[in-house]
Amino acid sequence: MSNYRFSKRSEENLRGVNPRLVKVIRHALEITKRDFTVIKGKCTEARQRQLVLNGKSKTMNFRHLSGNGVDLLLVGADWNNYKD
């Protein structure tokens, strides 16, 4: 068992996410050897549409819209190293 706990921001980003997925993410935090944060959870259709218009996303077929997707990042990692 790890001693990690989600930050307030991670908890807020889990709001609206499918409860079964939240359970998996919480379990992962309990057993991990590396701390991580939830950087994105459920996304509104309006927000996703704006991301597509701005070229930051390529699709409206996005699991975050239904609450079935989350983005995680290791604490201390640089997000820029993981972008396509």
PDB file of N, CA and C in Angstrom:
ATOM      1  N   MET A   1       0.828  -1.200   0.000  1.00  0.00           N
ATOM      2  CA  MET A   1       0.000   0.000   0.000  1.00  0.00           C
ATOM      3  C   MET A   1       0.865   1.253   0.000  1.00  0.00           C
ATOM      4  N   SER A   2       0.478   2.208  -0.809  1.00  0.00           N
ATOM      5  CA  SER A   2       1.217   3.464  -0.863  1.00  0.00           C
ATOM      6  C   SER A   2       0.637   4.454   0.138  1.00  0.00           C
ATOM      7  N   ASN A   3       1.342   5.515   0.359  1.00  0.00           N
ATOM      8  CA  ASN A   3       0.871   6.582   1.242  1.00  0.00           C
ATOM      9  C   ASN A   3       0.382   7.778   0.440  1.00  0.00           C
ATOM     10  N   TYR A   4       0.168   7.618  -0.849  1.00  0.00           N
ATOM     11  CA  TYR A   4      -0.238   8.726  -1.698  1.00  0.00           C
ATOM     12  C   TYR A   4      -1.728   9.020  -1.540  1.00  0.00           C
ATOM     13  N   ARG A   5      -2.052  10.291  -1.694  1.00  0.00           N
ATOM     14  CA  ARG A   5      -3.442  10.738  -1.671  1.00  0.00           C
ATOM     15  C   ARG A   5      -3.629  11.719  -2.825  1.00  0.00           C
ATOM     16  N   PHE A   6      -4.834  11.724  -3.392  1.00  0.00           N
ATOM     17  CA  PHE A   6      -5.102  12.665  -4.460  1.00  0.00           C
ATOM     18  C   PHE A   6      -5.184  14.084  -3.929  1.00  0.00           C
ATOM     19  N   SER A   7      -4.671  15.008  -4.711  1.00  0.00           N
ATOM     20  CA  SER A   7      -4.773  16.430  -4.385  1.00  0.00           C
ATOM     21  C   SER A   7      -6.220  16.881  -4.603  1.00  0.00           C
ATOM     22  N   LYS A   8      -6.505  18.073  -4.147  1.00  0.00           N
ATOM     23  CA  LYS A   8      -7.831  18.652  -4.354  1.00  0.00           C
ATOM     24  C   LYS A   8      -8.131  18.747  -5.854  1.00  0.00           C
ATOM     25  N   ARG A   9      -7.119  19.134  -6.625  1.00  0.00           N
ATOM     26  CA  ARG A   9      -7.294  19.244  -8.074  1.00  0.00           C
ATOM     27  C   ARG A   9      -7.633  17.891  -8.697  1.00  0.00           C
ATOM     28  N   SER A  10      -6.925  16.843  -8.296  1.00  0.00           N
ATOM     29  CA  SER A  10      -7.221  15.504  -8.824  1.00  0.00           C
ATOM     30  C   SER A  10      -8.633  15.088  -8.462  1.00  0.00           C
ATOM     31  N   GLU A  11      -9.033  15.333  -7.218  1.00  0.00           N
ATOM     32  CA  GLU A  11     -10.397  14.986  -6.779  1.00  0.00           C
ATOM     33  C   GLU A  11     -11.435  15.727  -7.619  1.00  0.00           C
ATOM     34  N   GLU A  12     -11.187  17.007  -7.879  1.00  0.00           N
ATOM     35  CA  GLU A  12     -12.107  17.783  -8.708  1.00  0.00           C
ATOM     36  C   GLU A  12     -12.163  17.225 -10.124  1.00  0.00           C
ATOM     37  N   ASN A  13     -11.022  16.786 -10.646  1.00  0.00           N
ATOM     38  CA  ASN A  13     -10.972  16.238 -11.999  1.00  0.00           C
ATOM     39  C   ASN A  13     -11.645  14.873 -12.110  1.00  0.00           C
ATOM     40  N   LEU A  14     -11.891  14.225 -10.983  1.00  0.00           N
ATOM     41  CA  LEU A  14     -12.601  12.940 -10.993  1.00  0.00           C
ATOM     42  C   LEU A  14     -14.119  13.117 -10.940  1.00  0.00           C
ATOM     43  N   ARG A  15     -14.591  14.335 -10.688  1.00  0.00           N
ATOM     44  CA  ARG A  15     -16.044  14.574 -10.649  1.00  0.00           C
ATOM     45  C   ARG A  15     -16.655  14.308 -12.012  1.00  0.00           C
ATOM     46  N   GLY A  16     -17.718  13.527 -12.023  1.00  0.00           N
ATOM     47  CA  GLY A  16     -18.416  13.213 -13.259  1.00  0.00           C
ATOM     48  C   GLY A  16     -17.866  12.012 -14.004  1.00  0.00           C
ATOM     49  N   VAL A  17     -16.742  11.478 -13.535  1.00  0.00           N
ATOM     50  CA  VAL A  17     -16.148  10.298 -14.172  1.00  0.00           C
ATOM     51  C   VAL A  17     -16.925   9.057 -13.723  1.00  0.00           C
ATOM     52  N   ASN A  18     -17.052   8.104 -14.609  1.00  0.00           N
ATOM     53  CA  ASN A  18     -17.738   6.848 -14.317  1.00  0.00           C
ATOM     54  C   ASN A  18     -17.231   6.285 -12.987  1.00  0.00           C
ATOM     55  N   PRO A  19     -18.128   6.010 -12.035  1.00  0.00           N
ATOM     56  CA  PRO A  19     -17.713   5.519 -10.714  1.00  0.00           C
ATOM     57  C   PRO A  19     -16.844   4.261 -10.761  1.00  0.00           C
ATOM     58  N   ARG A  20     -17.076   3.392 -11.726  1.00  0.00           N
ATOM     59  CA  ARG A  20     -16.236   2.188 -11.826  1.00  0.00           C
ATOM     60  C   ARG A  20     -14.813   2.551 -12.224  1.00  0.00           C
ATOM     61  N   LEU A  21     -14.663   3.530 -13.097  1.00  0.00           N
ATOM     62  CA  LEU A  21     -13.326   3.987 -13.479  1.00  0.00           C
ATOM     63  C   LEU A  21     -12.648   4.689 -12.304  1.00  0.00           C
ATOM     64  N   VAL A  22     -13.401   5.474 -11.569  1.00  0.00           N
ATOM     65  CA  VAL A  22     -12.846   6.144 -10.379  1.00  0.00           C
ATOM     66  C   VAL A  22     -12.325   5.102  -9.398  1.00  0.00           C
ATOM     67  N   LYS A  23     -13.073   4.020  -9.226  1.00  0.00           N
ATOM     68  CA  LYS A  23     -12.645   2.952  -8.321  1.00  0.00           C
ATOM     69  C   LYS A  23     -11.308   2.355  -8.775  1.00  0.00           C
ATOM     70  N   VAL A  24     -11.157   2.145 -10.074  1.00  0.00           N
ATOM     71  CA  VAL A  24      -9.902   1.606 -10.616  1.00  0.00           C
ATOM     72  C   VAL A  24      -8.753   2.582 -10.377  1.00  0.00           C
ATOM     73  N   ILE A  25      -8.995   3.862 -10.632  1.00  0.00           N
ATOM     74  CA  ILE A  25      -7.957   4.884 -10.449  1.00  0.00           C
ATOM     75  C   ILE A  25      -7.550   4.978  -8.981  1.00  0.00           C
ATOM     76  N   ARG A  26      -8.527   4.939  -8.091  1.00  0.00           N
ATOM     77  CA  ARG A  26      -8.217   4.993  -6.650  1.00  0.00           C
ATOM     78  C   ARG A  26      -7.409   3.765  -6.221  1.00  0.00           C
ATOM     79  N   HIS A  27      -7.768   2.605  -6.757  1.00  0.00           N
ATOM     80  CA  HIS A  27      -7.018   1.389  -6.423  1.00  0.00           C
ATOM     81  C   HIS A  27      -5.579   1.494  -6.939  1.00  0.00           C
ATOM     82  N   ALA A  28      -5.431   2.027  -8.144  1.00  0.00           N
ATOM     83  CA  ALA A  28      -4.084   2.210  -8.700  1.00  0.00           C
ATOM     84  C   ALA A  28      -3.246   3.103  -7.795  1.00  0.00           C
ATOM     85  N   LEU A  29      -3.853   4.158  -7.246  1.00  0.00           N
ATOM     86  CA  LEU A  29      -3.107   5.045  -6.351  1.00  0.00           C
ATOM     87  C   LEU A  29      -2.708   4.317  -5.065  1.00  0.00           C
ATOM     88  N   GLU A  30      -3.543   3.401  -4.609  1.00  0.00           N
ATOM     89  CA  GLU A  30      -3.242   2.636  -3.388  1.00  0.00           C
ATOM     90  C   GLU A  30      -2.043   1.709  -3.573  1.00  0.00           C
ATOM     91  N   ILE A  31      -1.878   1.160  -4.772  1.00  0.00           N
ATOM     92  CA  ILE A  31      -0.840   0.139  -4.964  1.00  0.00           C
ATOM     93  C   ILE A  31       0.396   0.640  -5.711  1.00  0.00           C
ATOM     94  N   THR A  32       0.362   1.891  -6.169  1.00  0.00           N
ATOM     95  CA  THR A  32       1.467   2.395  -6.977  1.00  0.00           C
ATOM     96  C   THR A  32       2.741   2.632  -6.163  1.00  0.00           C
ATOM     97  N   LYS A  33       3.852   2.573  -6.857  1.00  0.00           N
ATOM     98  CA  LYS A  33       5.134   2.936  -6.261  1.00  0.00           C
ATOM     99  C   LYS A  33       5.521   4.349  -6.679  1.00  0.00           C
ATOM    100  N   ARG A  34       4.754   4.924  -7.617  1.00  0.00           N
ATOM    101  CA  ARG A  34       5.002   6.287  -8.111  1.00  0.00           C
ATOM    102  C   ARG A  34       3.717   7.095  -7.990  1.00  0.00           C
ATOM    103  N   ASP A  35       3.804   8.262  -7.412  1.00  0.00           N
ATOM    104  CA  ASP A  35       2.647   9.141  -7.261  1.00  0.00           C
ATOM    105  C   ASP A  35       2.221   9.685  -8.623  1.00  0.00           C
ATOM    106  N   PHE A  36       0.919   9.846  -8.806  1.00  0.00           N
ATOM    107  CA  PHE A  36       0.414  10.429 -10.038  1.00  0.00           C
ATOM    108  C   PHE A  36      -0.769  11.336  -9.738  1.00  0.00           C
ATOM    109  N   THR A  37      -1.086  12.175 -10.704  1.00  0.00           N
ATOM    110  CA  THR A  37      -2.188  13.114 -10.568  1.00  0.00           C
ATOM    111  C   THR A  37      -3.176  12.918 -11.716  1.00  0.00           C
ATOM    112  N   VAL A  38      -4.427  13.265 -11.472  1.00  0.00           N
ATOM    113  CA  VAL A  38      -5.449  13.229 -12.512  1.00  0.00           C
ATOM    114  C   VAL A  38      -5.484  14.622 -13.132  1.00  0.00           C
ATOM    115  N   ILE A  39      -5.059  14.719 -14.382  1.00  0.00           N
ATOM    116  CA  ILE A  39      -4.997  16.043 -14.999  1.00  0.00           C
ATOM    117  C   ILE A  39      -6.229  16.357 -15.840  1.00  0.00           C
ATOM    118  N   LYS A  40      -7.021  15.330 -16.167  1.00  0.00           N
ATOM    119  CA  LYS A  40      -8.244  15.569 -16.920  1.00  0.00           C
ATOM    120  C   LYS A  40      -9.223  14.444 -16.664  1.00  0.00           C
ATOM    121  N   GLY A  41     -10.464  14.815 -16.458  1.00  0.00           N
ATOM    122  CA  GLY A  41     -11.533  13.843 -16.271  1.00  0.00           C
ATOM    123  C   GLY A  41     -12.612  14.071 -17.306  1.00  0.00           C
ATOM    124  N   LYS A  42     -13.836  14.213 -16.834  1.00  0.00           N
ATOM    125  CA  LYS A  42     -14.957  14.423 -17.749  1.00  0.00           C
ATOM    126  C   LYS A  42     -14.840  15.789 -18.418  1.00  0.00           C
ATOM    127  N   CYS A  43     -15.178  15.812 -19.686  1.00  0.00           N
ATOM    128  CA  CYS A  43     -15.095  17.026 -20.496  1.00  0.00           C
ATOM    129  C   CYS A  43     -16.483  17.336 -21.053  1.00  0.00           C
ATOM    130  N   THR A  44     -16.851  18.612 -21.078  1.00  0.00           N
ATOM    131  CA  THR A  44     -18.133  18.985 -21.678  1.00  0.00           C
ATOM    132  C   THR A  44     -18.014  18.987 -23.191  1.00  0.00           C
ATOM    133  N   GLU A  45     -19.139  18.836 -23.849  1.00  0.00           N
ATOM    134  CA  GLU A  45     -19.140  18.858 -25.307  1.00  0.00           C
ATOM    135  C   GLU A  45     -18.659  20.214 -25.824  1.00  0.00           C
ATOM    136  N   ALA A  46     -19.070  21.286 -25.156  1.00  0.00           N
ATOM    137  CA  ALA A  46     -18.645  22.628 -25.572  1.00  0.00           C
ATOM    138  C   ALA A  46     -17.128  22.773 -25.472  1.00  0.00           C
ATOM    139  N   ARG A  47     -16.546  22.288 -24.392  1.00  0.00           N
ATOM    140  CA  ARG A  47     -15.092  22.377 -24.217  1.00  0.00           C
ATOM    141  C   ARG A  47     -14.371  21.555 -25.284  1.00  0.00           C
ATOM    142  N   GLN A  48     -14.854  20.350 -25.549  1.00  0.00           N
ATOM    143  CA  GLN A  48     -14.214  19.503 -26.546  1.00  0.00           C
ATOM    144  C   GLN A  48     -14.333  20.119 -27.930  1.00  0.00           C
ATOM    145  N   ARG A  49     -15.484  20.697 -28.231  1.00  0.00           N
ATOM    146  CA  ARG A  49     -15.671  21.347 -29.526  1.00  0.00           C
ATOM    147  C   ARG A  49     -14.659  22.491 -29.694  1.00  0.00           C
ATOM    148  N   GLN A  50     -14.436  23.240 -28.607  1.00  0.00           N
ATOM    149  CA  GLN A  50     -13.463  24.336 -28.653  1.00  0.00           C
ATOM    150  C   GLN A  50     -12.041  23.805 -28.874  1.00  0.00           C
ATOM    151  N   LEU A  51     -11.707  22.704 -28.213  1.00  0.00           N
ATOM    152  CA  LEU A  51     -10.391  22.097 -28.404  1.00  0.00           C
ATOM    153  C   LEU A  51     -10.186  21.654 -29.857  1.00  0.00           C
ATOM    154  N   VAL A  52     -11.230  21.110 -30.464  1.00  0.00           N
ATOM    155  CA  VAL A  52     -11.153  20.701 -31.866  1.00  0.00           C
ATOM    156  C   VAL A  52     -10.976  21.930 -32.757  1.00  0.00           C
ATOM    157  N   LEU A  53     -11.763  22.971 -32.500  1.00  0.00           N
ATOM    158  CA  LEU A  53     -11.655  24.196 -33.301  1.00  0.00           C
ATOM    159  C   LEU A  53     -10.274  24.831 -33.192  1.00  0.00           C
ATOM    160  N   ASN A  54      -9.664  24.740 -32.018  1.00  0.00           N
ATOM    161  CA  ASN A  54      -8.334  25.315 -31.798  1.00  0.00           C
ATOM    162  C   ASN A  54      -7.209  24.392 -32.248  1.00  0.00           C
ATOM    163  N   GLY A  55      -7.550  23.206 -32.761  1.00  0.00           N
ATOM    164  CA  GLY A  55      -6.544  22.268 -33.233  1.00  0.00           C
ATOM    165  C   GLY A  55      -5.829  21.509 -32.122  1.00  0.00           C
ATOM    166  N   LYS A  56      -6.351  21.575 -30.897  1.00  0.00           N
ATOM    167  CA  LYS A  56      -5.717  20.877 -29.773  1.00  0.00           C
ATOM    168  C   LYS A  56      -6.245  19.452 -29.617  1.00  0.00           C
ATOM    169  N   SER A  57      -7.307  19.140 -30.341  1.00  0.00           N
ATOM    170  CA  SER A  57      -7.848  17.783 -30.392  1.00  0.00           C
ATOM    171  C   SER A  57      -8.335  17.560 -31.815  1.00  0.00           C
ATOM    172  N   LYS A  58      -8.458  16.301 -32.175  1.00  0.00           N
ATOM    173  CA  LYS A  58      -8.841  15.985 -33.551  1.00  0.00           C
ATOM    174  C   LYS A  58     -10.203  15.324 -33.661  1.00  0.00           C
ATOM    175  N   THR A  59     -10.887  15.110 -32.543  1.00  0.00           N
ATOM    176  CA  THR A  59     -12.122  14.328 -32.608  1.00  0.00           C
ATOM    177  C   THR A  59     -13.152  14.781 -31.581  1.00  0.00           C
ATOM    178  N   MET A  60     -14.401  14.550 -31.935  1.00  0.00           N
ATOM    179  CA  MET A  60     -15.492  14.711 -30.976  1.00  0.00           C
ATOM    180  C   MET A  60     -15.884  13.347 -30.409  1.00  0.00           C
ATOM    181  N   ASN A  61     -15.277  12.288 -30.918  1.00  0.00           N
ATOM    182  CA  ASN A  61     -15.504  10.938 -30.412  1.00  0.00           C
ATOM    183  C   ASN A  61     -14.478  10.703 -29.306  1.00  0.00           C
ATOM    184  N   PHE A  62     -14.771  11.203 -28.127  1.00  0.00           N
ATOM    185  CA  PHE A  62     -13.806  11.339 -27.048  1.00  0.00           C
ATOM    186  C   PHE A  62     -14.387  10.725 -25.785  1.00  0.00           C
ATOM    187  N   ARG A  63     -13.713   9.767 -25.200  1.00  0.00           N
ATOM    188  CA  ARG A  63     -14.252   9.041 -24.040  1.00  0.00           C
ATOM    189  C   ARG A  63     -14.450   9.945 -22.819  1.00  0.00           C
ATOM    190  N   HIS A  64     -13.749  11.055 -22.794  1.00  0.00           N
ATOM    191  CA  HIS A  64     -13.915  11.993 -21.682  1.00  0.00           C
ATOM    192  C   HIS A  64     -15.312  12.618 -21.685  1.00  0.00           C
ATOM    193  N   LEU A  65     -15.951  12.698 -22.855  1.00  0.00           N
ATOM    194  CA  LEU A  65     -17.288  13.286 -22.939  1.00  0.00           C
ATOM    195  C   LEU A  65     -18.315  12.482 -22.146  1.00  0.00           C
ATOM    196  N   SER A  66     -18.148  11.177 -22.112  1.00  0.00           N
ATOM    197  CA  SER A  66     -19.091  10.308 -21.397  1.00  0.00           C
ATOM    198  C   SER A  66     -18.630  10.000 -19.979  1.00  0.00           C
ATOM    199  N   GLY A  67     -17.480  10.544 -19.578  1.00  0.00           N
ATOM    200  CA  GLY A  67     -16.954  10.251 -18.244  1.00  0.00           C
ATOM    201  C   GLY A  67     -16.216   8.934 -18.179  1.00  0.00           C
ATOM    202  N   ASN A  68     -15.848   8.396 -19.338  1.00  0.00           N
ATOM    203  CA  ASN A  68     -15.162   7.108 -19.384  1.00  0.00           C
ATOM    204  C   ASN A  68     -13.703   7.221 -19.789  1.00  0.00           C
ATOM    205  N   GLY A  69     -13.115   8.373 -19.515  1.00  0.00           N
ATOM    206  CA  GLY A  69     -11.704   8.574 -19.807  1.00  0.00           C
ATOM    207  C   GLY A  69     -11.076   9.520 -18.800  1.00  0.00           C
ATOM    208  N   VAL A  70      -9.842   9.268 -18.458  1.00  0.00           N
ATOM    209  CA  VAL A  70      -9.072  10.174 -17.596  1.00  0.00           C
ATOM    210  C   VAL A  70      -7.649  10.247 -18.133  1.00  0.00           C
ATOM    211  N   ASP A  71      -7.013  11.371 -17.899  1.00  0.00           N
ATOM    212  CA  ASP A  71      -5.600  11.523 -18.213  1.00  0.00           C
ATOM    213  C   ASP A  71      -4.846  11.607 -16.898  1.00  0.00           C
ATOM    214  N   LEU A  72      -3.796  10.827 -16.787  1.00  0.00           N
ATOM    215  CA  LEU A  72      -2.971  10.776 -15.584  1.00  0.00           C
ATOM    216  C   LEU A  72      -1.560  11.215 -15.936  1.00  0.00           C
ATOM    217  N   LEU A  73      -0.855  11.765 -14.953  1.00  0.00           N
ATOM    218  CA  LEU A  73       0.527  12.161 -15.158  1.00  0.00           C
ATOM    219  C   LEU A  73       1.299  11.876 -13.878  1.00  0.00           C
ATOM    220  N   LEU A  74       2.458  11.270 -14.040  1.00  0.00           N
ATOM    221  CA  LEU A  74       3.314  11.025 -12.880  1.00  0.00           C
ATOM    222  C   LEU A  74       3.713  12.354 -12.250  1.00  0.00           C
ATOM    223  N   VAL A  75       3.661  12.430 -10.945  1.00  0.00           N
ATOM    224  CA  VAL A  75       4.086  13.634 -10.243  1.00  0.00           C
ATOM    225  C   VAL A  75       5.568  13.858 -10.528  1.00  0.00           C
ATOM    226  N   GLY A  76       5.915  15.052 -10.923  1.00  0.00           N
ATOM    227  CA  GLY A  76       7.289  15.389 -11.256  1.00  0.00           C
ATOM    228  C   GLY A  76       7.629  15.228 -12.720  1.00  0.00           C
ATOM    229  N   ALA A  77       6.735  14.610 -13.491  1.00  0.00           N
ATOM    230  CA  ALA A  77       6.994  14.439 -14.922  1.00  0.00           C
ATOM    231  C   ALA A  77       6.649  15.722 -15.673  1.00  0.00           C
ATOM    232  N   ASP A  78       7.254  15.901 -16.818  1.00  0.00           N
ATOM    233  CA  ASP A  78       6.992  17.052 -17.662  1.00  0.00           C
ATOM    234  C   ASP A  78       6.023  16.634 -18.756  1.00  0.00           C
ATOM    235  N   TRP A  79       4.824  17.221 -18.746  1.00  0.00           N
ATOM    236  CA  TRP A  79       3.784  16.886 -19.714  1.00  0.00           C
ATOM    237  C   TRP A  79       4.305  17.041 -21.137  1.00  0.00           C
ATOM    238  N   ASN A  80       5.169  18.006 -21.376  1.00  0.00           N
ATOM    239  CA  ASN A  80       5.671  18.253 -22.727  1.00  0.00           C
ATOM    240  C   ASN A  80       6.444  17.075 -23.285  1.00  0.00           C
ATOM    241  N   ASN A  81       6.967  16.199 -22.431  1.00  0.00           N
ATOM    242  CA  ASN A  81       7.668  15.014 -22.895  1.00  0.00           C
ATOM    243  C   ASN A  81       6.729  13.934 -23.406  1.00  0.00           C
ATOM    244  N   TYR A  82       5.412  14.094 -23.183  1.00  0.00           N
ATOM    245  CA  TYR A  82       4.457  13.047 -23.531  1.00  0.00           C
ATOM    246  C   TYR A  82       3.500  13.468 -24.633  1.00  0.00           C
ATOM    247  N   LYS A  83       3.618  14.670 -25.129  1.00  0.00           N
ATOM    248  CA  LYS A  83       2.712  15.131 -26.191  1.00  0.00           C
ATOM    249  C   LYS A  83       3.111  14.519 -27.518  1.00  0.00           C
ATOM    250  N   ASP A  84       2.100  14.267 -28.357  1.00  0.00           N
ATOM    251  CA  ASP A  84       2.352  13.760 -29.715  1.00  0.00           C
ATOM    252  C   ASP A  84       2.889  14.863 -30.592  1.00  0.00           C
TER     253      ASP A  84
END
